[in-house]
């Protein structure tokens, strides 16, 4: 009985601990802001959307990858976003949503 209880707790707690670590990357507003500014600057320099989408696809962490795609969309959509803080907020939401469907 005790063994089953311990196994059950492990099955419940381990995924939440693992997701908690990955969600912390979504709360790193500095990282998200740097990504948004990089995309905004690259767009203003005339880099193509396809090139930026390839860059976003190469981001390793799934949550940050979703955030990178959102930044590309925000700054290449017509009219492009002019508010980095607003884009960063949306990026953080999508990043977290990737880990919590």
PDB file of N, CA and C in Angstrom:
ATOM      1  N   UNK A   1       0.818  -1.193   0.000  1.00  0.00           N
ATOM      2  CA  UNK A   1       0.000   0.000   0.000  1.00  0.00           C
ATOM      3  C   UNK A   1       0.866   1.263   0.000  1.00  0.00           C
ATOM      4  N   UNK A   2       1.887   1.268   0.850  1.00  0.00           N
ATOM      5  CA  UNK A   2       2.779   2.413   0.946  1.00  0.00           C
ATOM      6  C   UNK A   2       3.537   2.622  -0.366  1.00  0.00           C
ATOM      7  N   UNK A   3       3.921   1.509  -0.990  1.00  0.00           N
ATOM      8  CA  UNK A   3       4.664   1.572  -2.247  1.00  0.00           C
ATOM      9  C   UNK A   3       3.799   2.188  -3.351  1.00  0.00           C
ATOM     10  N   UNK A   4       2.532   1.812  -3.393  1.00  0.00           N
ATOM     11  CA  UNK A   4       1.621   2.370  -4.396  1.00  0.00           C
ATOM     12  C   UNK A   4       1.403   3.858  -4.167  1.00  0.00           C
ATOM     13  N   UNK A   5       1.316   4.258  -2.924  1.00  0.00           N
ATOM     14  CA  UNK A   5       1.140   5.664  -2.599  1.00  0.00           C
ATOM     15  C   UNK A   5       2.351   6.480  -3.052  1.00  0.00           C
ATOM     16  N   UNK A   6       3.536   5.965  -2.801  1.00  0.00           N
ATOM     17  CA  UNK A   6       4.763   6.651  -3.212  1.00  0.00           C
ATOM     18  C   UNK A   6       4.842   6.734  -4.736  1.00  0.00           C
ATOM     19  N   UNK A   7       4.511   5.648  -5.410  1.00  0.00           N
ATOM     20  CA  UNK A   7       4.527   5.650  -6.878  1.00  0.00           C
ATOM     21  C   UNK A   7       3.509   6.651  -7.429  1.00  0.00           C
ATOM     22  N   UNK A   8       2.343   6.704  -6.817  1.00  0.00           N
ATOM     23  CA  UNK A   8       1.319   7.649  -7.253  1.00  0.00           C
ATOM     24  C   UNK A   8       1.769   9.090  -7.086  1.00  0.00           C
ATOM     25  N   UNK A   9       2.392   9.379  -5.960  1.00  0.00           N
ATOM     26  CA  UNK A   9       2.903  10.728  -5.734  1.00  0.00           C
ATOM     27  C   UNK A   9       3.989  11.091  -6.734  1.00  0.00           C
ATOM     28  N   UNK A  10       4.843  10.124  -7.055  1.00  0.00           N
ATOM     29  CA  UNK A  10       5.897  10.370  -8.042  1.00  0.00           C
ATOM     30  C   UNK A  10       5.292  10.683  -9.408  1.00  0.00           C
ATOM     31  N   UNK A  11       4.261   9.957  -9.777  1.00  0.00           N
ATOM     32  CA  UNK A  11       3.620  10.199 -11.075  1.00  0.00           C
ATOM     33  C   UNK A  11       2.938  11.554 -11.136  1.00  0.00           C
ATOM     34  N   UNK A  12       2.490  12.042 -10.005  1.00  0.00           N
ATOM     35  CA  UNK A  12       1.817  13.337  -9.967  1.00  0.00           C
ATOM     36  C   UNK A  12       2.829  14.475  -9.844  1.00  0.00           C
ATOM     37  N   UNK A  13       3.823  14.319  -9.001  1.00  0.00           N
ATOM     38  CA  UNK A  13       4.753  15.416  -8.715  1.00  0.00           C
ATOM     39  C   UNK A  13       5.852  15.594  -9.751  1.00  0.00           C
ATOM     40  N   UNK A  14       6.385  14.525 -10.306  1.00  0.00           N
ATOM     41  CA  UNK A  14       7.502  14.660 -11.233  1.00  0.00           C
ATOM     42  C   UNK A  14       7.172  15.482 -12.474  1.00  0.00           C
ATOM     43  N   UNK A  15       6.050  15.250 -13.142  1.00  0.00           N
ATOM     44  CA  UNK A  15       5.746  16.104 -14.296  1.00  0.00           C
ATOM     45  C   UNK A  15       5.575  17.572 -13.914  1.00  0.00           C
ATOM     46  N   UNK A  16       4.973  17.840 -12.767  1.00  0.00           N
ATOM     47  CA  UNK A  16       4.781  19.236 -12.378  1.00  0.00           C
ATOM     48  C   UNK A  16       6.114  19.902 -12.053  1.00  0.00           C
ATOM     49  N   UNK A  17       7.043  19.156 -11.497  1.00  0.00           N
ATOM     50  CA  UNK A  17       8.370  19.702 -11.226  1.00  0.00           C
ATOM     51  C   UNK A  17       9.085  19.970 -12.543  1.00  0.00           C
ATOM     52  N   UNK A  18       9.024  19.034 -13.475  1.00  0.00           N
ATOM     53  CA  UNK A  18       9.681  19.212 -14.769  1.00  0.00           C
ATOM     54  C   UNK A  18       9.082  20.392 -15.528  1.00  0.00           C
ATOM     55  N   UNK A  19       7.756  20.497 -15.551  1.00  0.00           N
ATOM     56  CA  UNK A  19       7.120  21.612 -16.247  1.00  0.00           C
ATOM     57  C   UNK A  19       7.408  22.924 -15.541  1.00  0.00           C
ATOM     58  N   UNK A  20       7.512  22.899 -14.221  1.00  0.00           N
ATOM     59  CA  UNK A  20       7.821  24.114 -13.474  1.00  0.00           C
ATOM     60  C   UNK A  20       9.153  24.699 -13.875  1.00  0.00           C
ATOM     61  N   UNK A  21      10.121  23.836 -14.154  1.00  0.00           N
ATOM     62  CA  UNK A  21      11.426  24.321 -14.577  1.00  0.00           C
ATOM     63  C   UNK A  21      11.349  24.920 -15.978  1.00  0.00           C
ATOM     64  N   UNK A  22      10.595  24.304 -16.876  1.00  0.00           N
ATOM     65  CA  UNK A  22      10.522  24.827 -18.226  1.00  0.00           C
ATOM     66  C   UNK A  22       9.659  26.069 -18.307  1.00  0.00           C
ATOM     67  N   UNK A  23       8.653  26.174 -17.459  1.00  0.00           N
ATOM     68  CA  UNK A  23       7.818  27.368 -17.460  1.00  0.00           C
ATOM     69  C   UNK A  23       8.614  28.571 -16.967  1.00  0.00           C
ATOM     70  N   UNK A  24       9.644  28.345 -16.155  1.00  0.00           N
ATOM     71  CA  UNK A  24      10.443  29.468 -15.668  1.00  0.00           C
ATOM     72  C   UNK A  24      11.095  30.221 -16.819  1.00  0.00           C
ATOM     73  N   UNK A  25      11.414  29.537 -17.919  1.00  0.00           N
ATOM     74  CA  UNK A  25      11.978  30.234 -19.071  1.00  0.00           C
ATOM     75  C   UNK A  25      10.948  31.190 -19.671  1.00  0.00           C
ATOM     76  N   UNK A  26       9.678  30.875 -19.510  1.00  0.00           N
ATOM     77  CA  UNK A  26       8.618  31.735 -20.024  1.00  0.00           C
ATOM     78  C   UNK A  26       8.449  32.980 -19.165  1.00  0.00           C
ATOM     79  N   UNK A  27       8.871  32.921 -17.936  1.00  0.00           N
ATOM     80  CA  UNK A  27       8.759  34.063 -17.027  1.00  0.00           C
ATOM     81  C   UNK A  27       9.975  34.984 -17.103  1.00  0.00           C
ATOM     82  N   UNK A  28      10.957  34.598 -17.890  1.00  0.00           N
ATOM     83  CA  UNK A  28      12.164  35.404 -18.049  1.00  0.00           C
ATOM     84  C   UNK A  28      11.882  36.531 -19.036  1.00  0.00           C
ATOM     85  N   UNK A  29      11.325  37.630 -18.526  1.00  0.00           N
ATOM     86  CA  UNK A  29      10.937  38.746 -19.398  1.00  0.00           C
ATOM     87  C   UNK A  29      12.142  39.348 -20.112  1.00  0.00           C
ATOM     88  N   UNK A  30      13.301  39.279 -19.499  1.00  0.00           N
ATOM     89  CA  UNK A  30      14.503  39.805 -20.142  1.00  0.00           C
ATOM     90  C   UNK A  30      14.793  39.027 -21.423  1.00  0.00           C
ATOM     91  N   UNK A  31      14.724  37.710 -21.351  1.00  0.00           N
ATOM     92  CA  UNK A  31      14.973  36.864 -22.528  1.00  0.00           C
ATOM     93  C   UNK A  31      13.917  37.123 -23.602  1.00  0.00           C
ATOM     94  N   UNK A  32      12.666  37.172 -23.194  1.00  0.00           N
ATOM     95  CA  UNK A  32      11.583  37.425 -24.148  1.00  0.00           C
ATOM     96  C   UNK A  32      11.719  38.804 -24.784  1.00  0.00           C
ATOM     97  N   UNK A  33      12.093  39.793 -23.978  1.00  0.00           N
ATOM     98  CA  UNK A  33      12.277  41.147 -24.504  1.00  0.00           C
ATOM     99  C   UNK A  33      13.422  41.182 -25.512  1.00  0.00           C
ATOM    100  N   UNK A  34      14.515  40.490 -25.196  1.00  0.00           N
ATOM    101  CA  UNK A  34      15.647  40.439 -26.129  1.00  0.00           C
ATOM    102  C   UNK A  34      15.242  39.795 -27.449  1.00  0.00           C
ATOM    103  N   UNK A  35      14.446  38.732 -27.363  1.00  0.00           N
ATOM    104  CA  UNK A  35      13.976  38.078 -28.583  1.00  0.00           C
ATOM    105  C   UNK A  35      13.100  39.023 -29.400  1.00  0.00           C
ATOM    106  N   UNK A  36      12.182  39.722 -28.739  1.00  0.00           N
ATOM    107  CA  UNK A  36      11.275  40.632 -29.437  1.00  0.00           C
ATOM    108  C   UNK A  36      12.044  41.775 -30.092  1.00  0.00           C
ATOM    109  N   UNK A  37      12.994  42.342 -29.384  1.00  0.00           N
ATOM    110  CA  UNK A  37      13.788  43.443 -29.934  1.00  0.00           C
ATOM    111  C   UNK A  37      14.631  42.960 -31.112  1.00  0.00           C
ATOM    112  N   UNK A  38      15.187  41.755 -30.983  1.00  0.00           N
ATOM    113  CA  UNK A  38      15.975  41.201 -32.090  1.00  0.00           C
ATOM    114  C   UNK A  38      15.120  41.059 -33.346  1.00  0.00           C
ATOM    115  N   UNK A  39      13.921  40.527 -33.188  1.00  0.00           N
ATOM    116  CA  UNK A  39      13.029  40.358 -34.343  1.00  0.00           C
ATOM    117  C   UNK A  39      12.651  41.720 -34.910  1.00  0.00           C
ATOM    118  N   UNK A  40      12.283  42.646 -34.049  1.00  0.00           N
ATOM    119  CA  UNK A  40      11.901  43.987 -34.511  1.00  0.00           C
ATOM    120  C   UNK A  40      13.037  44.649 -35.298  1.00  0.00           C
ATOM    121  N   UNK A  41      14.264  44.544 -34.765  1.00  0.00           N
ATOM    122  CA  UNK A  41      15.415  45.143 -35.439  1.00  0.00           C
ATOM    123  C   UNK A  41      15.712  44.465 -36.768  1.00  0.00           C
ATOM    124  N   UNK A  42      15.597  43.144 -36.807  1.00  0.00           N
ATOM    125  CA  UNK A  42      15.867  42.423 -38.048  1.00  0.00           C
ATOM    126  C   UNK A  42      14.829  42.753 -39.114  1.00  0.00           C
ATOM    127  N   UNK A  43      13.580  42.926 -38.690  1.00  0.00           N
ATOM    128  CA  UNK A  43      12.529  43.318 -39.640  1.00  0.00           C
ATOM    129  C   UNK A  43      12.808  44.722 -40.169  1.00  0.00           C
ATOM    130  N   UNK A  44      13.192  45.632 -39.286  1.00  0.00           N
ATOM    131  CA  UNK A  44      13.457  47.007 -39.717  1.00  0.00           C
ATOM    132  C   UNK A  44      14.667  47.093 -40.641  1.00  0.00           C
ATOM    133  N   UNK A  45      15.576  46.118 -40.555  1.00  0.00           N
ATOM    134  CA  UNK A  45      16.738  46.071 -41.448  1.00  0.00           C
ATOM    135  C   UNK A  45      16.401  45.405 -42.779  1.00  0.00           C
ATOM    136  N   UNK A  46      15.169  44.921 -42.907  1.00  0.00           N
ATOM    137  CA  UNK A  46      14.721  44.356 -44.174  1.00  0.00           C
ATOM    138  C   UNK A  46      14.858  42.850 -44.308  1.00  0.00           C
ATOM    139  N   UNK A  47      15.103  42.170 -43.205  1.00  0.00           N
ATOM    140  CA  UNK A  47      15.211  40.708 -43.283  1.00  0.00           C
ATOM    141  C   UNK A  47      13.850  40.110 -43.625  1.00  0.00           C
ATOM    142  N   UNK A  48      13.871  39.065 -44.428  1.00  0.00           N
ATOM    143  CA  UNK A  48      12.620  38.462 -44.897  1.00  0.00           C
ATOM    144  C   UNK A  48      11.917  37.679 -43.788  1.00  0.00           C
ATOM    145  N   UNK A  49      10.609  37.569 -43.937  1.00  0.00           N
ATOM    146  CA  UNK A  49       9.813  36.799 -42.982  1.00  0.00           C
ATOM    147  C   UNK A  49      10.233  35.336 -42.988  1.00  0.00           C
ATOM    148  N   UNK A  50      10.535  34.794 -44.165  1.00  0.00           N
ATOM    149  CA  UNK A  50      10.969  33.391 -44.252  1.00  0.00           C
ATOM    150  C   UNK A  50      12.239  33.151 -43.451  1.00  0.00           C
ATOM    151  N   UNK A  51      13.171  34.076 -43.532  1.00  0.00           N
ATOM    152  CA  UNK A  51      14.416  33.954 -42.778  1.00  0.00           C
ATOM    153  C   UNK A  51      14.146  33.994 -41.274  1.00  0.00           C
ATOM    154  N   UNK A  52      13.260  34.884 -40.868  1.00  0.00           N
ATOM    155  CA  UNK A  52      12.915  34.981 -39.450  1.00  0.00           C
ATOM    156  C   UNK A  52      12.179  33.735 -38.965  1.00  0.00           C
ATOM    157  N   UNK A  53      11.327  33.177 -39.808  1.00  0.00           N
ATOM    158  CA  UNK A  53      10.623  31.946 -39.428  1.00  0.00           C
ATOM    159  C   UNK A  53      11.609  30.790 -39.283  1.00  0.00           C
ATOM    160  N   UNK A  54      12.639  30.758 -40.129  1.00  0.00           N
ATOM    161  CA  UNK A  54      13.674  29.724 -39.979  1.00  0.00           C
ATOM    162  C   UNK A  54      14.410  29.923 -38.661  1.00  0.00           C
ATOM    163  N   UNK A  55      14.713  31.171 -38.321  1.00  0.00           N
ATOM    164  CA  UNK A  55      15.363  31.471 -37.046  1.00  0.00           C
ATOM    165  C   UNK A  55      14.500  30.991 -35.882  1.00  0.00           C
ATOM    166  N   UNK A  56      13.204  31.300 -35.932  1.00  0.00           N
ATOM    167  CA  UNK A  56      12.285  30.893 -34.860  1.00  0.00           C
ATOM    168  C   UNK A  56      12.211  29.369 -34.766  1.00  0.00           C
ATOM    169  N   UNK A  57      12.238  28.696 -35.904  1.00  0.00           N
ATOM    170  CA  UNK A  57      12.188  27.238 -35.911  1.00  0.00           C
ATOM    171  C   UNK A  57      13.408  26.592 -35.289  1.00  0.00           C
ATOM    172  N   UNK A  58      14.511  27.326 -35.231  1.00  0.00           N
ATOM    173  CA  UNK A  58      15.750  26.786 -34.657  1.00  0.00           C
ATOM    174  C   UNK A  58      15.888  27.034 -33.161  1.00  0.00           C
ATOM    175  N   UNK A  59      14.914  27.698 -32.556  1.00  0.00           N
ATOM    176  CA  UNK A  59      14.939  27.900 -31.102  1.00  0.00           C
ATOM    177  C   UNK A  59      14.651  26.545 -30.455  1.00  0.00           C
ATOM    178  N   UNK A  60      15.513  26.134 -29.535  1.00  0.00           N
ATOM    179  CA  UNK A  60      15.462  24.765 -29.003  1.00  0.00           C
ATOM    180  C   UNK A  60      14.271  24.497 -28.078  1.00  0.00           C
ATOM    181  N   UNK A  61      13.996  25.385 -27.143  1.00  0.00           N
ATOM    182  CA  UNK A  61      12.931  25.149 -26.167  1.00  0.00           C
ATOM    183  C   UNK A  61      11.568  25.376 -26.813  1.00  0.00           C
ATOM    184  N   UNK A  62      10.646  24.425 -26.658  1.00  0.00           N
ATOM    185  CA  UNK A  62       9.337  24.556 -27.314  1.00  0.00           C
ATOM    186  C   UNK A  62       8.571  25.824 -26.938  1.00  0.00           C
ATOM    187  N   UNK A  63       8.621  26.207 -25.685  1.00  0.00           N
ATOM    188  CA  UNK A  63       7.906  27.412 -25.265  1.00  0.00           C
ATOM    189  C   UNK A  63       8.509  28.666 -25.864  1.00  0.00           C
ATOM    190  N   UNK A  64       9.841  28.747 -25.835  1.00  0.00           N
ATOM    191  CA  UNK A  64      10.506  29.907 -26.423  1.00  0.00           C
ATOM    192  C   UNK A  64      10.344  29.918 -27.940  1.00  0.00           C
ATOM    193  N   UNK A  65      10.242  28.741 -28.533  1.00  0.00           N
ATOM    194  CA  UNK A  65      10.010  28.671 -29.975  1.00  0.00           C
ATOM    195  C   UNK A  65       8.644  29.261 -30.323  1.00  0.00           C
ATOM    196  N   UNK A  66       7.630  28.918 -29.545  1.00  0.00           N
ATOM    197  CA  UNK A  66       6.298  29.485 -29.757  1.00  0.00           C
ATOM    198  C   UNK A  66       6.340  31.003 -29.590  1.00  0.00           C
ATOM    199  N   UNK A  67       7.094  31.462 -28.600  1.00  0.00           N
ATOM    200  CA  UNK A  67       7.236  32.897 -28.368  1.00  0.00           C
ATOM    201  C   UNK A  67       7.943  33.569 -29.543  1.00  0.00           C
ATOM    202  N   UNK A  68       8.967  32.925 -30.080  1.00  0.00           N
ATOM    203  CA  UNK A  68       9.702  33.482 -31.214  1.00  0.00           C
ATOM    204  C   UNK A  68       8.803  33.595 -32.443  1.00  0.00           C
ATOM    205  N   UNK A  69       8.001  32.564 -32.692  1.00  0.00           N
ATOM    206  CA  UNK A  69       7.056  32.632 -33.817  1.00  0.00           C
ATOM    207  C   UNK A  69       6.076  33.788 -33.640  1.00  0.00           C
ATOM    208  N   UNK A  70       5.615  34.006 -32.413  1.00  0.00           N
ATOM    209  CA  UNK A  70       4.668  35.089 -32.152  1.00  0.00           C
ATOM    210  C   UNK A  70       5.343  36.441 -32.388  1.00  0.00           C
ATOM    211  N   UNK A  71       6.604  36.574 -32.001  1.00  0.00           N
ATOM    212  CA  UNK A  71       7.322  37.826 -32.240  1.00  0.00           C
ATOM    213  C   UNK A  71       7.455  38.088 -33.740  1.00  0.00           C
ATOM    214  N   UNK A  72       7.779  37.055 -34.506  1.00  0.00           N
ATOM    215  CA  UNK A  72       7.885  37.208 -35.961  1.00  0.00           C
ATOM    216  C   UNK A  72       6.545  37.649 -36.527  1.00  0.00           C
ATOM    217  N   UNK A  73       5.478  36.994 -36.077  1.00  0.00           N
ATOM    218  CA  UNK A  73       4.141  37.354 -36.558  1.00  0.00           C
ATOM    219  C   UNK A  73       3.800  38.802 -36.196  1.00  0.00           C
ATOM    220  N   UNK A  74       4.109  39.205 -34.976  1.00  0.00           N
ATOM    221  CA  UNK A  74       3.743  40.547 -34.508  1.00  0.00           C
ATOM    222  C   UNK A  74       4.463  41.640 -35.284  1.00  0.00           C
ATOM    223  N   UNK A  75       5.723  41.400 -35.632  1.00  0.00           N
ATOM    224  CA  UNK A  75       6.495  42.457 -36.275  1.00  0.00           C
ATOM    225  C   UNK A  75       6.481  42.384 -37.800  1.00  0.00           C
ATOM    226  N   UNK A  76       5.927  41.314 -38.371  1.00  0.00           N
ATOM    227  CA  UNK A  76       5.825  41.241 -39.831  1.00  0.00           C
ATOM    228  C   UNK A  76       4.397  41.403 -40.318  1.00  0.00           C
ATOM    229  N   UNK A  77       3.429  41.306 -39.423  1.00  0.00           N
ATOM    230  CA  UNK A  77       2.025  41.477 -39.780  1.00  0.00           C
ATOM    231  C   UNK A  77       1.785  42.939 -40.151  1.00  0.00           C
ATOM    232  N   UNK A  78       0.880  43.171 -41.061  1.00  0.00           N
ATOM    233  CA  UNK A  78       0.580  44.539 -41.469  1.00  0.00           C
ATOM    234  C   UNK A  78      -0.685  45.022 -40.791  1.00  0.00           C
ATOM    235  N   UNK A  79      -0.711  46.082 -40.056  1.00  0.00           N
ATOM    236  CA  UNK A  79       0.424  46.899 -39.661  1.00  0.00           C
ATOM    237  C   UNK A  79       1.214  46.211 -38.545  1.00  0.00           C
ATOM    238  N   UNK A  80       2.526  46.355 -38.551  1.00  0.00           N
ATOM    239  CA  UNK A  80       3.341  45.701 -37.519  1.00  0.00           C
ATOM    240  C   UNK A  80       3.112  46.335 -36.147  1.00  0.00           C
ATOM    241  N   UNK A  81       3.334  45.546 -35.139  1.00  0.00           N
ATOM    242  CA  UNK A  81       3.186  46.039 -33.773  1.00  0.00           C
ATOM    243  C   UNK A  81       4.279  47.059 -33.484  1.00  0.00           C
ATOM    244  N   UNK A  82       3.938  48.056 -32.716  1.00  0.00           N
ATOM    245  CA  UNK A  82       4.916  49.066 -32.318  1.00  0.00           C
ATOM    246  C   UNK A  82       5.225  48.972 -30.819  1.00  0.00           C
ATOM    247  N   UNK A  83       4.563  48.060 -30.126  1.00  0.00           N
ATOM    248  CA  UNK A  83       4.694  47.957 -28.679  1.00  0.00           C
ATOM    249  C   UNK A  83       5.433  46.677 -28.291  1.00  0.00           C
ATOM    250  N   UNK A  84       6.716  46.808 -27.984  1.00  0.00           N
ATOM    251  CA  UNK A  84       7.497  45.650 -27.547  1.00  0.00           C
ATOM    252  C   UNK A  84       6.936  45.067 -26.255  1.00  0.00           C
ATOM    253  N   UNK A  85       6.591  45.878 -25.237  1.00  0.00           N
ATOM    254  CA  UNK A  85       6.049  45.288 -24.007  1.00  0.00           C
ATOM    255  C   UNK A  85       4.787  44.452 -24.247  1.00  0.00           C
ATOM    256  N   UNK A  86       3.914  44.911 -25.126  1.00  0.00           N
ATOM    257  CA  UNK A  86       2.698  44.154 -25.420  1.00  0.00           C
ATOM    258  C   UNK A  86       3.051  42.823 -26.093  1.00  0.00           C
ATOM    259  N   UNK A  87       3.991  42.859 -27.034  1.00  0.00           N
ATOM    260  CA  UNK A  87       4.412  41.632 -27.719  1.00  0.00           C
ATOM    261  C   UNK A  87       5.043  40.675 -26.723  1.00  0.00           C
ATOM    262  N   UNK A  88       5.857  41.189 -25.812  1.00  0.00           N
ATOM    263  CA  UNK A  88       6.515  40.345 -24.809  1.00  0.00           C
ATOM    264  C   UNK A  88       5.475  39.674 -23.908  1.00  0.00           C
ATOM    265  N   UNK A  89       4.438  40.394 -23.533  1.00  0.00           N
ATOM    266  CA  UNK A  89       3.371  39.814 -22.706  1.00  0.00           C
ATOM    267  C   UNK A  89       2.701  38.652 -23.442  1.00  0.00           C
ATOM    268  N   UNK A  90       2.400  38.849 -24.697  1.00  0.00           N
ATOM    269  CA  UNK A  90       1.768  37.787 -25.491  1.00  0.00           C
ATOM    270  C   UNK A  90       2.734  36.619 -25.682  1.00  0.00           C
ATOM    271  N   UNK A  91       4.010  36.928 -25.903  1.00  0.00           N
ATOM    272  CA  UNK A  91       5.020  35.867 -26.046  1.00  0.00           C
ATOM    273  C   UNK A  91       5.078  35.013 -24.778  1.00  0.00           C
ATOM    274  N   UNK A  92       5.072  35.659 -23.618  1.00  0.00           N
ATOM    275  CA  UNK A  92       5.105  34.930 -22.350  1.00  0.00           C
ATOM    276  C   UNK A  92       3.887  34.042 -22.175  1.00  0.00           C
ATOM    277  N   UNK A  93       2.715  34.557 -22.559  1.00  0.00           N
ATOM    278  CA  UNK A  93       1.492  33.766 -22.467  1.00  0.00           C
ATOM    279  C   UNK A  93       1.583  32.525 -23.360  1.00  0.00           C
ATOM    280  N   UNK A  94       2.007  32.705 -24.615  1.00  0.00           N
ATOM    281  CA  UNK A  94       2.100  31.559 -25.525  1.00  0.00           C
ATOM    282  C   UNK A  94       3.166  30.566 -25.100  1.00  0.00           C
ATOM    283  N   UNK A  95       4.255  31.081 -24.553  1.00  0.00           N
ATOM    284  CA  UNK A  95       5.313  30.208 -24.062  1.00  0.00           C
ATOM    285  C   UNK A  95       4.767  29.306 -22.946  1.00  0.00           C
ATOM    286  N   UNK A  96       4.064  29.907 -21.985  1.00  0.00           N
ATOM    287  CA  UNK A  96       3.491  29.125 -20.878  1.00  0.00           C
ATOM    288  C   UNK A  96       2.424  28.173 -21.370  1.00  0.00           C
ATOM    289  N   UNK A  97       1.621  28.603 -22.316  1.00  0.00           N
ATOM    290  CA  UNK A  97       0.535  27.789 -22.859  1.00  0.00           C
ATOM    291  C   UNK A  97       1.097  26.522 -23.523  1.00  0.00           C
ATOM    292  N   UNK A  98       2.304  26.618 -24.076  1.00  0.00           N
ATOM    293  CA  UNK A  98       2.935  25.463 -24.706  1.00  0.00           C
ATOM    294  C   UNK A  98       3.135  24.330 -23.707  1.00  0.00           C
ATOM    295  N   UNK A  99       3.400  24.687 -22.454  1.00  0.00           N
ATOM    296  CA  UNK A  99       3.634  23.681 -21.435  1.00  0.00           C
ATOM    297  C   UNK A  99       2.383  23.302 -20.664  1.00  0.00           C
ATOM    298  N   UNK A 100       1.344  24.125 -20.741  1.00  0.00           N
ATOM    299  CA  UNK A 100       0.083  23.844 -20.051  1.00  0.00           C
ATOM    300  C   UNK A 100      -1.061  23.970 -21.042  1.00  0.00           C
ATOM    301  N   UNK A 101      -1.348  22.894 -21.771  1.00  0.00           N
ATOM    302  CA  UNK A 101      -2.408  22.992 -22.800  1.00  0.00           C
ATOM    303  C   UNK A 101      -3.785  23.272 -22.235  1.00  0.00           C
TER     304      UNK A 101
END
